[in-house]
Amino acid sequence: MTADNENQPGTGAEDPDAPRGMDLVRRALEEARGAARTQGKDVGRGRYSPAEPRKDRSSGRRRRWSGPGPDSRDPQPFASASRDLAKSRGWTPRVAEGTVLGQWSVVVGEDISAHASPTGLRDGILSITAESTAWATQLRHMQAQLLAKIAAAVGDGVVTSLRITGPAGPSWRKGPRSMPGGRGPRDTYG
């Protein structure tokens, strides 16, 4: 063996005084701290530097970890999160209008929704089309109860009045060419 191979690992003739394991790590850390000190850096303070003093936790502020009770940082149900989003963006009136049209059977009940359907909502006026003239008449008589049900479901002021129509009558216009003012079939006058 030559003198060059004596201190190389794996040659069998290693220096017994050379640092191993944690001693080697400590020595490397001290060398790094020494190099930082020569550059003028303050070492050995962890995450906090002297320019950033630690905040006093006894200042009456709430602790950062969550306790056993509900917290605003806990996962929120989708319904409440979407309601909060709609409120913060100013979408609440549009969401209420969508609820009237989209959940009609829940708002007015299964019986009424089976015979009448909403067709539009503009400026607080809800347009409803009934399947027959008898149902249109019945809905006109119970207009106050319908408005109360809608207000209970989506809030006051979303729907202010109802426009109830019966089924549309048949059209007598056939084809692309028709005369305005024509009376329809069996027009024998004139």
C-alpha atoms as a PDB file:
ATOM      1  CA  MET A   1       0.000   0.000   0.000  1.00  0.00           C
ATOM      2  CA  THR A   2       1.123   3.427  -0.771  1.00  0.00           C
ATOM      3  CA  ALA A   3       0.720   6.540   1.286  1.00  0.00           C
ATOM      4  CA  ASP A   4      -1.881   7.839  -1.176  1.00  0.00           C
ATOM      5  CA  ASN A   5      -4.253   4.963  -0.521  1.00  0.00           C
ATOM      6  CA  GLU A   6      -4.062   4.981   3.261  1.00  0.00           C
ATOM      7  CA  ASN A   7      -6.816   7.582   3.924  1.00  0.00           C
ATOM      8  CA  GLN A   8      -9.191   6.533   1.165  1.00  0.00           C
ATOM      9  CA  PRO A   9     -12.354   4.714   2.156  1.00  0.00           C
ATOM     10  CA  GLY A  10     -12.550   1.050   1.317  1.00  0.00           C
ATOM     11  CA  THR A  11      -8.801   0.438   1.457  1.00  0.00           C
ATOM     12  CA  GLY A  12      -8.885  -1.022   4.938  1.00  0.00           C
ATOM     13  CA  ALA A  13      -6.453   1.527   6.429  1.00  0.00           C
ATOM     14  CA  GLU A  14      -8.798   4.379   7.473  1.00  0.00           C
ATOM     15  CA  ASP A  15      -7.939   7.073   9.979  1.00  0.00           C
ATOM     16  CA  PRO A  16      -9.408   6.047  13.362  1.00  0.00           C
ATOM     17  CA  ASP A  17      -9.580   9.696  14.516  1.00  0.00           C
ATOM     18  CA  ALA A  18     -11.652  10.909  11.517  1.00  0.00           C
ATOM     19  CA  PRO A  19     -15.180  12.081  12.483  1.00  0.00           C
ATOM     20  CA  ARG A  20     -18.053   9.762  11.614  1.00  0.00           C
ATOM     21  CA  GLY A  21     -21.844  10.032  11.604  1.00  0.00           C
ATOM     22  CA  MET A  22     -23.231  12.897  13.701  1.00  0.00           C
ATOM     23  CA  ASP A  23     -19.747  14.211  14.479  1.00  0.00           C
ATOM     24  CA  LEU A  24     -19.202  14.766  10.769  1.00  0.00           C
ATOM     25  CA  VAL A  25     -22.569  16.581  10.506  1.00  0.00           C
ATOM     26  CA  ARG A  26     -21.797  18.813  13.490  1.00  0.00           C
ATOM     27  CA  ARG A  27     -18.425  19.731  12.047  1.00  0.00           C
ATOM     28  CA  ALA A  28     -19.991  20.619   8.674  1.00  0.00           C
ATOM     29  CA  LEU A  29     -22.615  22.765  10.450  1.00  0.00           C
ATOM     30  CA  GLU A  30     -19.964  24.640  12.416  1.00  0.00           C
ATOM     31  CA  GLU A  31     -18.011  25.283   9.216  1.00  0.00           C
ATOM     32  CA  ALA A  32     -21.156  26.666   7.542  1.00  0.00           C
ATOM     33  CA  ARG A  33     -21.910  28.913  10.525  1.00  0.00           C
ATOM     34  CA  GLY A  34     -18.317  30.165  10.510  1.00  0.00           C
ATOM     35  CA  ALA A  35     -18.566  30.999   6.815  1.00  0.00           C
ATOM     36  CA  ALA A  36     -21.851  32.866   7.444  1.00  0.00           C
ATOM     37  CA  ARG A  37     -20.296  34.857  10.289  1.00  0.00           C
ATOM     38  CA  THR A  38     -17.419  35.941   8.057  1.00  0.00           C
ATOM     39  CA  GLN A  39     -20.010  37.321   5.620  1.00  0.00           C
ATOM     40  CA  GLY A  40     -21.606  39.345   8.438  1.00  0.00           C
ATOM     41  CA  LYS A  41     -24.770  37.251   8.820  1.00  0.00           C
ATOM     42  CA  ASP A  42     -26.376  36.559  12.187  1.00  0.00           C
ATOM     43  CA  VAL A  43     -26.557  32.786  12.643  1.00  0.00           C
ATOM     44  CA  GLY A  44     -28.081  30.420  15.114  1.00  0.00           C
ATOM     45  CA  ARG A  45     -31.528  32.082  15.441  1.00  0.00           C
ATOM     46  CA  GLY A  46     -33.631  29.634  13.470  1.00  0.00           C
ATOM     47  CA  ARG A  47     -36.470  31.145  11.437  1.00  0.00           C
ATOM     48  CA  TYR A  48     -36.626  34.429  13.275  1.00  0.00           C
ATOM     49  CA  SER A  49     -34.029  37.093  12.642  1.00  0.00           C
ATOM     50  CA  PRO A  50     -33.420  40.095  14.910  1.00  0.00           C
ATOM     51  CA  ALA A  51     -35.218  42.318  12.396  1.00  0.00           C
ATOM     52  CA  GLU A  52     -38.347  40.167  12.882  1.00  0.00           C
ATOM     53  CA  PRO A  53     -39.005  39.829  16.605  1.00  0.00           C
ATOM     54  CA  ARG A  54     -41.334  37.058  17.708  1.00  0.00           C
ATOM     55  CA  LYS A  55     -44.920  38.049  18.175  1.00  0.00           C
ATOM     56  CA  ASP A  56     -46.242  37.947  21.695  1.00  0.00           C
ATOM     57  CA  ARG A  57     -48.895  35.253  21.860  1.00  0.00           C
ATOM     58  CA  SER A  58     -50.485  36.716  24.972  1.00  0.00           C
ATOM     59  CA  SER A  59     -51.805  39.779  23.132  1.00  0.00           C
ATOM     60  CA  GLY A  60     -55.380  38.469  23.225  1.00  0.00           C
ATOM     61  CA  ARG A  61     -55.379  37.162  19.665  1.00  0.00           C
ATOM     62  CA  ARG A  62     -56.885  33.818  18.872  1.00  0.00           C
ATOM     63  CA  ARG A  63     -54.603  30.840  18.763  1.00  0.00           C
ATOM     64  CA  ARG A  64     -53.543  29.522  15.375  1.00  0.00           C
ATOM     65  CA  TRP A  65     -54.520  25.902  15.899  1.00  0.00           C
ATOM     66  CA  SER A  66     -58.071  24.683  15.664  1.00  0.00           C
ATOM     67  CA  GLY A  67     -59.895  23.516  18.738  1.00  0.00           C
ATOM     68  CA  PRO A  68     -62.673  20.960  19.141  1.00  0.00           C
ATOM     69  CA  GLY A  69     -65.483  23.343  18.139  1.00  0.00           C
ATOM     70  CA  PRO A  70     -66.519  24.581  14.692  1.00  0.00           C
ATOM     71  CA  ASP A  71     -64.184  27.085  13.115  1.00  0.00           C
ATOM     72  CA  SER A  72     -64.286  29.268   9.992  1.00  0.00           C
ATOM     73  CA  ARG A  73     -61.279  27.345   8.702  1.00  0.00           C
ATOM     74  CA  ASP A  74     -63.159  24.035   8.806  1.00  0.00           C
ATOM     75  CA  PRO A  75     -64.533  22.632   5.536  1.00  0.00           C
ATOM     76  CA  GLN A  76     -67.889  24.266   4.815  1.00  0.00           C
ATOM     77  CA  PRO A  77     -70.970  22.646   3.225  1.00  0.00           C
ATOM     78  CA  PHE A  78     -71.340  23.524  -0.440  1.00  0.00           C
ATOM     79  CA  ALA A  79     -74.720  25.194   0.092  1.00  0.00           C
ATOM     80  CA  SER A  80     -73.418  27.670   2.651  1.00  0.00           C
ATOM     81  CA  ALA A  81     -70.243  28.324   0.667  1.00  0.00           C
ATOM     82  CA  SER A  82     -72.233  29.066  -2.503  1.00  0.00           C
ATOM     83  CA  ARG A  83     -74.694  31.239  -0.542  1.00  0.00           C
ATOM     84  CA  ASP A  84     -71.792  33.260   0.886  1.00  0.00           C
ATOM     85  CA  LEU A  85     -70.261  33.601  -2.580  1.00  0.00           C
ATOM     86  CA  ALA A  86     -73.560  34.798  -4.079  1.00  0.00           C
ATOM     87  CA  LYS A  87     -74.001  37.317  -1.267  1.00  0.00           C
ATOM     88  CA  SER A  88     -70.462  38.687  -1.585  1.00  0.00           C
ATOM     89  CA  ARG A  89     -70.748  39.051  -5.377  1.00  0.00           C
ATOM     90  CA  GLY A  90     -74.241  40.583  -5.318  1.00  0.00           C
ATOM     91  CA  TRP A  91     -75.862  37.626  -7.074  1.00  0.00           C
ATOM     92  CA  THR A  92     -78.521  36.996  -4.432  1.00  0.00           C
ATOM     93  CA  PRO A  93     -81.487  38.399  -6.430  1.00  0.00           C
ATOM     94  CA  ARG A  94     -80.542  36.362  -9.504  1.00  0.00           C
ATOM     95  CA  VAL A  95     -80.137  33.210  -7.412  1.00  0.00           C
ATOM     96  CA  ALA A  96     -83.589  33.760  -5.908  1.00  0.00           C
ATOM     97  CA  GLU A  97     -85.071  34.158  -9.389  1.00  0.00           C
ATOM     98  CA  GLY A  98     -83.360  30.957 -10.469  1.00  0.00           C
ATOM     99  CA  THR A  99     -84.775  29.169  -7.435  1.00  0.00           C
ATOM    100  CA  VAL A 100     -88.322  30.149  -8.382  1.00  0.00           C
ATOM    101  CA  LEU A 101     -87.893  28.871 -11.931  1.00  0.00           C
ATOM    102  CA  GLY A 102     -85.628  25.902 -11.225  1.00  0.00           C
ATOM    103  CA  GLN A 103     -87.372  24.494  -8.146  1.00  0.00           C
ATOM    104  CA  TRP A 104     -90.942  25.321  -9.058  1.00  0.00           C
ATOM    105  CA  SER A 105     -92.405  22.079  -7.698  1.00  0.00           C
ATOM    106  CA  VAL A 106     -90.690  22.606  -4.312  1.00  0.00           C
ATOM    107  CA  VAL A 107     -91.767  26.250  -4.101  1.00  0.00           C
ATOM    108  CA  VAL A 108     -95.487  25.868  -4.926  1.00  0.00           C
ATOM    109  CA  GLY A 109     -96.117  22.164  -4.334  1.00  0.00           C
ATOM    110  CA  GLU A 110     -96.569  19.088  -6.492  1.00  0.00           C
ATOM    111  CA  ASP A 111    -100.270  19.628  -7.245  1.00  0.00           C
ATOM    112  CA  ILE A 112     -99.888  23.102  -8.704  1.00  0.00           C
ATOM    113  CA  SER A 113     -96.636  22.289 -10.499  1.00  0.00           C
ATOM    114  CA  ALA A 114     -98.301  19.340 -12.228  1.00  0.00           C
ATOM    115  CA  HIS A 115    -100.794  21.697 -13.906  1.00  0.00           C
ATOM    116  CA  ALA A 116     -98.885  24.991 -14.259  1.00  0.00           C
ATOM    117  CA  SER A 117     -95.322  25.951 -15.082  1.00  0.00           C
ATOM    118  CA  PRO A 118     -93.386  29.221 -14.898  1.00  0.00           C
ATOM    119  CA  THR A 119     -92.315  30.651 -18.235  1.00  0.00           C
ATOM    120  CA  GLY A 120     -90.366  33.741 -17.199  1.00  0.00           C
ATOM    121  CA  LEU A 121     -89.545  36.247 -14.496  1.00  0.00           C
ATOM    122  CA  ARG A 122     -88.853  39.858 -15.384  1.00  0.00           C
ATOM    123  CA  ASP A 123     -88.928  42.926 -13.139  1.00  0.00           C
ATOM    124  CA  GLY A 124     -90.686  41.001 -10.370  1.00  0.00           C
ATOM    125  CA  ILE A 125     -93.502  39.752 -12.615  1.00  0.00           C
ATOM    126  CA  LEU A 126     -93.686  35.948 -12.816  1.00  0.00           C
ATOM    127  CA  SER A 127     -95.355  34.568 -15.925  1.00  0.00           C
ATOM    128  CA  ILE A 128     -97.183  31.285 -15.370  1.00  0.00           C
ATOM    129  CA  THR A 129     -98.815  29.135 -18.037  1.00  0.00           C
ATOM    130  CA  ALA A 130    -101.581  26.763 -16.918  1.00  0.00           C
ATOM    131  CA  GLU A 131    -102.475  23.590 -18.799  1.00  0.00           C
ATOM    132  CA  SER A 132    -106.153  24.548 -19.063  1.00  0.00           C
ATOM    133  CA  THR A 133    -108.348  27.598 -18.698  1.00  0.00           C
ATOM    134  CA  ALA A 134    -109.897  26.049 -15.586  1.00  0.00           C
ATOM    135  CA  TRP A 135    -106.465  25.819 -13.926  1.00  0.00           C
ATOM    136  CA  ALA A 136    -105.646  29.373 -15.024  1.00  0.00           C
ATOM    137  CA  THR A 137    -108.846  30.589 -13.350  1.00  0.00           C
ATOM    138  CA  GLN A 138    -108.104  28.588 -10.203  1.00  0.00           C
ATOM    139  CA  LEU A 139    -104.560  30.038 -10.009  1.00  0.00           C
ATOM    140  CA  ARG A 140    -105.908  33.567 -10.421  1.00  0.00           C
ATOM    141  CA  HIS A 141    -108.210  32.976  -7.432  1.00  0.00           C
ATOM    142  CA  MET A 142    -105.333  31.740  -5.269  1.00  0.00           C
ATOM    143  CA  GLN A 143    -102.837  34.361  -6.444  1.00  0.00           C
ATOM    144  CA  ALA A 144    -102.304  35.723  -2.903  1.00  0.00           C
ATOM    145  CA  GLN A 145    -101.477  32.249  -1.548  1.00  0.00           C
ATOM    146  CA  LEU A 146     -99.032  31.643  -4.430  1.00  0.00           C
ATOM    147  CA  LEU A 147     -97.244  34.926  -3.759  1.00  0.00           C
ATOM    148  CA  ALA A 148     -97.004  34.026  -0.054  1.00  0.00           C
ATOM    149  CA  LYS A 149     -95.530  30.592  -0.864  1.00  0.00           C
ATOM    150  CA  ILE A 150     -92.980  32.114  -3.233  1.00  0.00           C
ATOM    151  CA  ALA A 151     -92.013  34.811  -0.719  1.00  0.00           C
ATOM    152  CA  ALA A 152     -91.564  32.168   1.994  1.00  0.00           C
ATOM    153  CA  ALA A 153     -89.287  30.115  -0.280  1.00  0.00           C
ATOM    154  CA  VAL A 154     -87.067  32.831  -1.797  1.00  0.00           C
ATOM    155  CA  GLY A 155     -87.724  36.027   0.137  1.00  0.00           C
ATOM    156  CA  ASP A 156     -89.859  39.136  -0.201  1.00  0.00           C
ATOM    157  CA  GLY A 157     -89.597  41.351  -3.248  1.00  0.00           C
ATOM    158  CA  VAL A 158     -88.338  38.722  -5.700  1.00  0.00           C
ATOM    159  CA  VAL A 159     -91.808  38.136  -7.156  1.00  0.00           C
ATOM    160  CA  THR A 160     -94.192  41.057  -6.793  1.00  0.00           C
ATOM    161  CA  SER A 161     -97.026  39.967  -9.087  1.00  0.00           C
ATOM    162  CA  LEU A 162     -98.180  37.076 -11.243  1.00  0.00           C
ATOM    163  CA  ARG A 163     -99.290  37.003 -14.874  1.00  0.00           C
ATOM    164  CA  ILE A 164    -101.300  33.816 -15.337  1.00  0.00           C
ATOM    165  CA  THR A 165    -102.287  32.657 -18.807  1.00  0.00           C
ATOM    166  CA  GLY A 166    -104.133  29.622 -20.051  1.00  0.00           C
ATOM    167  CA  PRO A 167    -103.023  27.394 -22.869  1.00  0.00           C
ATOM    168  CA  ALA A 168    -102.377  29.017 -26.204  1.00  0.00           C
ATOM    169  CA  GLY A 169    -105.133  28.590 -28.758  1.00  0.00           C
ATOM    170  CA  PRO A 170    -104.465  26.833 -32.027  1.00  0.00           C
ATOM    171  CA  SER A 171    -102.941  28.831 -34.822  1.00  0.00           C
ATOM    172  CA  TRP A 172    -104.876  28.927 -38.048  1.00  0.00           C
ATOM    173  CA  ARG A 173    -101.888  30.127 -40.019  1.00  0.00           C
ATOM    174  CA  LYS A 174    -100.638  27.470 -42.341  1.00  0.00           C
ATOM    175  CA  GLY A 175     -97.623  27.806 -44.578  1.00  0.00           C
ATOM    176  CA  PRO A 176     -95.166  30.628 -45.130  1.00  0.00           C
ATOM    177  CA  ARG A 177     -97.706  32.963 -46.809  1.00  0.00           C
ATOM    178  CA  SER A 178    -100.581  34.143 -44.729  1.00  0.00           C
ATOM    179  CA  MET A 179    -102.642  37.308 -44.749  1.00  0.00           C
ATOM    180  CA  PRO A 180    -102.627  39.546 -41.707  1.00  0.00           C
ATOM    181  CA  GLY A 181    -106.115  39.911 -40.299  1.00  0.00           C
ATOM    182  CA  GLY A 182    -107.312  36.641 -41.800  1.00  0.00           C
ATOM    183  CA  ARG A 183    -109.991  35.030 -39.706  1.00  0.00           C
ATOM    184  CA  GLY A 184    -109.108  31.354 -40.031  1.00  0.00           C
ATOM    185  CA  PRO A 185    -111.047  28.319 -41.178  1.00  0.00           C
ATOM    186  CA  ARG A 186    -114.657  28.580 -42.231  1.00  0.00           C
ATOM    187  CA  ASP A 187    -114.120  32.211 -43.134  1.00  0.00           C
ATOM    188  CA  THR A 188    -117.077  32.752 -45.406  1.00  0.00           C
ATOM    189  CA  TYR A 189    -117.587  36.385 -44.668  1.00  0.00           C
ATOM    190  CA  GLY A 190    -116.869  38.894 -47.192  1.00  0.00           C
END
